[in-house]
Amino acid sequence: MLPSRYFWELTQPEIAQQLRSHPLVIFPAGSIEQHGTHLPTGTDTFAAQFVSHEVAERMDGLVLPGTGLGVTPMHMPFEGTITLTPDTFMRVVTETCVSTAQHGAQKLMIVNWHEGNIPSLAIAAEDLHRTHGMSVVIVQACYVAAELYGEECNGLTHGGEIEALAVLATRPNLVHLDRVKQSSDPRLGHKMDKLRRTQAYQPVLTDIRSIAPTGWYGTPEGATIERGRVMVAQIADAIAAEATEIFGQLEHVQGGVGEVKHLRPAV
């Protein structure tokens, strides 16, 4: 049994054996951005890593060292935010995962908790599959959380209860609910978040202040450590179950690595 699921905590022989026995790697994608007065700037990165680790336990995979940084120009008006350009972010994701493919990794799951990463991850995933032969599944873990806990936590809000729970699950010392103040009007926040999350229309917003003038909105006060641990476990359960089925379907229709069955139009 592996002493850890984190790639950077294992020795070379442990990694080599794991990739031979079960060649699944998981790339956690998050961001470093302001989350109000009560949550750390690494909230999205912590959430992605925590969920990835729990999924790795359930699916017998390895968690890769994600950059911790993401594509988040929307939050740059507030100190504490560091953003990469889409090109830089895609290159980091691609080159990290290609390195593992060269060592035998065949299946890749990208576990993302930051919405600003979504377009770049889609392009990187295409390249990792078509150029490098990996079987790739992207999981928007923040949306899985919203599906499971949105009703209970008043939606997926920036700096709200769902995100507070995600950090409380394993890094409770970084959450300061006693500092909660100046939450923006939730009516505006929900209206604008709903607008940008539709499938048919994708408006371009100037920055986070279009959603929340203070930089965050929500009601995190009721979050607890125990509820956070339960939430992360349930998210991981849901992802592991669905992703296992999806990888099985991909293997059935696409074959092994480098053996993609391209569909040809009928003549």
Protein backbone atom coordinates (compact mmCIF):
# COMPACT_ATOMS: atom_id res chain seq x y z
CA MET A 1 0.00 0.00 0.00
CA LEU A 2 1.28 3.45 -0.90
CA PRO A 3 2.28 5.71 2.02
CA SER A 4 0.79 8.68 0.16
CA ARG A 5 -1.20 9.53 -2.95
CA TYR A 6 0.74 12.72 -3.56
CA PHE A 7 3.30 12.26 -6.34
CA TRP A 8 5.85 14.53 -4.64
CA GLU A 9 5.79 12.51 -1.41
CA LEU A 10 6.70 9.19 -3.04
CA THR A 11 10.00 7.62 -4.09
CA GLN A 12 10.84 6.77 -7.68
CA PRO A 13 10.35 2.99 -7.21
CA GLU A 14 6.96 3.56 -5.56
CA ILE A 15 5.82 5.73 -8.47
CA ALA A 16 7.15 3.30 -11.07
CA GLN A 17 5.32 0.38 -9.48
CA GLN A 18 2.10 2.34 -9.16
CA LEU A 19 2.13 3.42 -12.80
CA ARG A 20 2.69 -0.18 -13.87
CA SER A 21 -0.17 -1.51 -11.74
CA HIS A 22 -2.67 1.31 -12.20
CA PRO A 23 -1.61 4.10 -14.58
CA LEU A 24 -4.04 6.79 -13.42
CA VAL A 25 -2.83 10.30 -12.57
CA ILE A 26 -4.94 13.16 -11.25
CA PHE A 27 -4.09 16.82 -11.87
CA PRO A 28 -5.66 19.25 -9.36
CA ALA A 29 -6.40 22.64 -10.89
CA GLY A 30 -7.18 25.64 -8.73
CA SER A 31 -6.08 29.25 -8.36
CA ILE A 32 -4.58 31.81 -6.02
CA GLU A 33 -7.09 34.63 -5.63
CA GLN A 34 -8.77 36.73 -2.97
CA HIS A 35 -11.62 35.10 -1.03
CA GLY A 36 -12.64 37.91 1.28
CA THR A 37 -11.46 38.41 4.84
CA HIS A 38 -12.17 34.87 6.05
CA LEU A 39 -10.76 32.38 3.51
CA PRO A 40 -7.19 31.90 2.25
CA THR A 41 -6.17 32.98 -1.23
CA GLY A 42 -5.43 29.32 -1.97
CA THR A 43 -9.02 28.20 -1.34
CA ASP A 44 -9.57 26.86 -4.87
CA THR A 45 -6.19 25.11 -4.90
CA PHE A 46 -6.73 23.53 -1.49
CA ALA A 47 -10.18 22.33 -2.54
CA ALA A 48 -8.86 20.80 -5.77
CA GLN A 49 -6.04 19.04 -3.93
CA PHE A 50 -8.22 17.71 -1.12
CA VAL A 51 -10.82 16.33 -3.50
CA SER A 52 -8.13 14.90 -5.80
CA HIS A 53 -6.51 13.05 -2.90
CA GLU A 54 -9.82 11.51 -1.85
CA VAL A 55 -10.59 10.49 -5.42
CA ALA A 56 -7.11 8.98 -5.76
CA GLU A 57 -7.75 6.88 -2.66
CA ARG A 58 -10.97 5.56 -4.19
CA MET A 59 -9.62 4.99 -7.71
CA ASP A 60 -6.04 3.93 -6.86
CA GLY A 61 -4.36 6.88 -8.56
CA LEU A 62 -1.60 9.42 -8.00
CA VAL A 63 -2.13 13.15 -7.42
CA LEU A 64 0.18 15.26 -9.52
CA PRO A 65 1.77 18.51 -8.31
CA GLY A 66 -0.56 21.08 -9.85
CA THR A 67 0.80 24.59 -10.20
CA GLY A 68 -1.49 26.02 -7.53
CA LEU A 69 -1.91 28.95 -9.89
CA GLY A 70 -4.69 29.42 -12.39
CA VAL A 71 -6.18 31.80 -14.94
CA THR A 72 -7.87 34.43 -12.80
CA PRO A 73 -7.58 37.97 -14.19
CA MET A 74 -11.11 38.60 -12.90
CA HIS A 75 -9.78 38.88 -9.34
CA MET A 76 -6.76 41.10 -10.04
CA PRO A 77 -8.38 44.29 -8.67
CA PHE A 78 -7.89 42.74 -5.22
CA GLU A 79 -4.51 42.09 -3.57
CA GLY A 80 -3.67 38.46 -2.97
CA THR A 81 -4.43 37.37 -6.52
CA ILE A 82 -1.81 35.86 -8.85
CA THR A 83 -2.86 34.99 -12.38
CA LEU A 84 -1.26 33.12 -15.26
CA THR A 85 -2.03 33.76 -18.91
CA PRO A 86 -4.04 30.98 -20.57
CA ASP A 87 -1.02 30.02 -22.70
CA THR A 88 1.28 29.66 -19.68
CA PHE A 89 -1.33 27.71 -17.73
CA MET A 90 -1.97 25.32 -20.62
CA ARG A 91 1.74 24.70 -21.08
CA VAL A 92 2.23 23.89 -17.39
CA VAL A 93 -0.71 21.47 -17.40
CA THR A 94 0.37 19.83 -20.64
CA GLU A 95 4.05 19.48 -19.82
CA THR A 96 3.36 18.15 -16.33
CA CYS A 97 1.03 15.49 -17.62
CA VAL A 98 3.17 14.59 -20.64
CA SER A 99 6.06 13.85 -18.29
CA THR A 100 3.95 11.23 -16.53
CA ALA A 101 2.73 9.82 -19.85
CA GLN A 102 6.35 9.22 -20.80
CA HIS A 103 6.69 7.17 -17.62
CA GLY A 104 3.61 5.07 -18.28
CA ALA A 105 0.59 7.06 -17.13
CA GLN A 106 -2.30 6.27 -19.45
CA LYS A 107 -5.37 7.77 -17.78
CA LEU A 108 -5.58 11.39 -16.71
CA MET A 109 -8.24 13.04 -14.61
CA ILE A 110 -8.18 16.81 -14.23
CA VAL A 111 -10.01 17.90 -11.07
CA ASN A 112 -10.78 21.60 -11.36
CA TRP A 113 -12.21 23.97 -8.73
CA HIS A 114 -11.76 27.30 -10.55
CA GLU A 115 -14.16 28.36 -13.28
CA GLY A 116 -11.62 30.64 -14.95
CA ASN A 117 -9.52 27.56 -15.83
CA ILE A 118 -12.24 25.81 -17.81
CA PRO A 119 -11.48 27.04 -21.37
CA SER A 120 -7.72 26.50 -21.01
CA LEU A 121 -8.16 23.04 -19.53
CA ALA A 122 -10.40 22.01 -22.42
CA ILE A 123 -7.69 22.94 -24.94
CA ALA A 124 -4.92 21.28 -22.92
CA ALA A 125 -6.99 18.10 -22.56
CA GLU A 126 -7.50 17.91 -26.31
CA ASP A 127 -3.75 18.08 -26.87
CA LEU A 128 -2.99 15.53 -24.17
CA HIS A 129 -5.36 13.08 -25.79
CA ARG A 130 -4.76 13.69 -29.49
CA THR A 131 -1.02 14.36 -29.42
CA HIS A 132 0.08 12.29 -26.46
CA GLY A 133 -2.50 9.49 -26.42
CA MET A 134 -3.78 9.89 -22.87
CA SER A 135 -7.35 9.01 -21.96
CA VAL A 136 -8.58 12.25 -20.36
CA VAL A 137 -11.55 13.19 -18.21
CA ILE A 138 -12.03 16.73 -16.86
CA VAL A 139 -14.10 17.03 -13.70
CA GLN A 140 -15.47 20.41 -12.65
CA ALA A 141 -15.38 19.59 -8.96
CA CYS A 142 -16.86 22.94 -7.94
CA TYR A 143 -19.95 22.12 -10.01
CA VAL A 144 -20.17 18.65 -8.48
CA ALA A 145 -20.14 20.38 -5.10
CA ALA A 146 -22.90 22.71 -6.26
CA GLU A 147 -25.02 19.78 -7.44
CA LEU A 148 -24.65 18.00 -4.11
CA TYR A 149 -24.68 20.96 -1.70
CA GLY A 150 -26.03 23.93 -3.62
CA GLU A 151 -29.50 23.79 -2.12
CA GLU A 152 -28.20 23.28 1.41
CA CYS A 153 -25.51 25.99 1.16
CA ASN A 154 -27.39 28.65 -0.82
CA GLY A 155 -25.58 27.92 -4.05
CA LEU A 156 -21.98 27.93 -5.23
CA THR A 157 -20.83 31.39 -4.20
CA HIS A 158 -17.40 33.00 -4.18
CA GLY A 159 -16.21 32.81 -0.58
CA GLY A 160 -19.47 31.30 0.62
CA GLU A 161 -20.33 28.17 2.56
CA ILE A 162 -19.31 25.53 0.03
CA GLU A 163 -15.83 26.97 -0.28
CA ALA A 164 -15.51 27.44 3.47
CA LEU A 165 -16.44 23.77 3.96
CA ALA A 166 -13.87 22.65 1.38
CA VAL A 167 -11.02 24.29 3.31
CA LEU A 168 -12.35 23.39 6.75
CA ALA A 169 -12.18 19.72 5.75
CA THR A 170 -8.40 19.57 6.15
CA ARG A 171 -7.00 23.05 6.82
CA PRO A 172 -9.37 24.52 9.43
CA ASN A 173 -6.65 26.78 10.84
CA LEU A 174 -6.82 28.81 7.63
CA VAL A 175 -10.53 29.61 7.93
CA HIS A 176 -11.51 32.69 9.96
CA LEU A 177 -15.27 32.80 10.18
CA ASP A 178 -14.99 35.34 13.00
CA ARG A 179 -13.70 37.81 10.42
CA VAL A 180 -16.70 37.55 8.09
CA LYS A 181 -17.85 41.01 7.06
CA GLN A 182 -18.98 43.06 4.09
CA SER A 183 -20.62 40.29 2.08
CA SER A 184 -21.97 41.68 -1.18
CA ASP A 185 -25.66 41.60 -2.02
CA PRO A 186 -26.41 37.91 -2.73
CA ARG A 187 -29.16 38.86 -5.17
CA LEU A 188 -26.62 40.47 -7.50
CA GLY A 189 -24.13 37.66 -6.98
CA HIS A 190 -26.59 34.89 -7.79
CA LYS A 191 -27.97 36.80 -10.78
CA MET A 192 -24.55 37.36 -12.35
CA ASP A 193 -23.21 33.89 -11.55
CA LYS A 194 -26.32 32.33 -13.10
CA LEU A 195 -25.82 34.47 -16.19
CA ARG A 196 -22.22 33.35 -16.73
CA ARG A 197 -22.91 29.67 -16.04
CA THR A 198 -25.51 29.09 -18.75
CA GLN A 199 -24.63 26.84 -21.70
CA ALA A 200 -26.03 29.09 -24.40
CA TYR A 201 -24.59 32.48 -23.41
CA GLN A 202 -21.18 33.41 -21.96
CA PRO A 203 -20.90 37.12 -21.16
CA VAL A 204 -17.44 38.58 -20.52
CA LEU A 205 -17.33 40.37 -17.18
CA THR A 206 -14.84 43.12 -16.39
CA ASP A 207 -13.88 41.65 -13.02
CA ILE A 208 -15.28 40.09 -9.84
CA ARG A 209 -16.82 43.41 -8.84
CA SER A 210 -19.45 42.82 -11.54
CA ILE A 211 -20.59 39.90 -9.37
CA ALA A 212 -19.64 41.07 -5.89
CA PRO A 213 -18.39 44.64 -5.26
CA THR A 214 -16.62 43.53 -2.06
CA GLY A 215 -14.94 40.62 -3.86
CA TRP A 216 -17.08 37.90 -2.31
CA TYR A 217 -20.63 36.98 -1.39
CA GLY A 218 -22.39 34.17 0.45
CA THR A 219 -23.14 32.98 3.96
CA PRO A 220 -20.22 30.89 5.25
CA GLU A 221 -21.01 31.38 8.96
CA GLY A 222 -22.64 27.97 9.39
CA ALA A 223 -19.73 25.96 8.00
CA THR A 224 -18.09 23.42 10.33
CA ILE A 225 -15.13 21.06 10.15
CA GLU A 226 -17.27 17.94 10.37
CA ARG A 227 -19.64 19.09 7.61
CA GLY A 228 -16.62 19.96 5.49
CA ARG A 229 -15.19 16.47 5.83
CA VAL A 230 -18.53 14.92 4.98
CA MET A 231 -18.91 17.18 1.93
CA VAL A 232 -15.46 16.40 0.53
CA ALA A 233 -16.03 12.66 1.04
CA GLN A 234 -19.37 12.80 -0.77
CA ILE A 235 -17.89 14.82 -3.64
CA ALA A 236 -15.08 12.28 -3.97
CA ASP A 237 -17.55 9.38 -3.89
CA ALA A 238 -19.59 10.95 -6.68
CA ILE A 239 -16.56 11.75 -8.83
CA ALA A 240 -14.96 8.34 -8.39
CA ALA A 241 -18.16 6.52 -9.32
CA GLU A 242 -18.89 8.63 -12.40
CA ALA A 243 -15.28 8.86 -13.59
CA THR A 244 -14.79 5.10 -13.31
CA GLU A 245 -17.78 4.59 -15.56
CA ILE A 246 -16.62 7.23 -18.04
CA PHE A 247 -13.10 5.79 -18.30
CA GLY A 248 -14.67 2.41 -18.92
CA GLN A 249 -16.78 3.81 -21.73
CA LEU A 250 -13.78 5.55 -23.26
CA GLU A 251 -11.73 2.36 -23.19
CA HIS A 252 -14.57 0.47 -24.85
CA VAL A 253 -14.96 2.87 -27.77
CA GLN A 254 -11.42 4.27 -28.09
CA GLY A 255 -9.26 1.28 -27.29
CA GLY A 256 -5.88 1.52 -25.62
CA VAL A 257 -3.49 4.45 -25.48
CA GLY A 258 -2.46 5.64 -28.92
CA GLU A 259 -5.18 3.48 -30.51
CA VAL A 260 -7.99 5.99 -30.86
CA LYS A 261 -10.68 4.67 -33.14
CA HIS A 262 -11.41 7.63 -35.38
CA LEU A 263 -14.93 7.56 -36.71
CA ARG A 264 -15.17 7.91 -40.47
CA PRO A 265 -18.21 9.27 -42.29
CA ALA A 266 -20.15 6.79 -44.35
CA VAL A 267 -19.28 6.82 -48.05
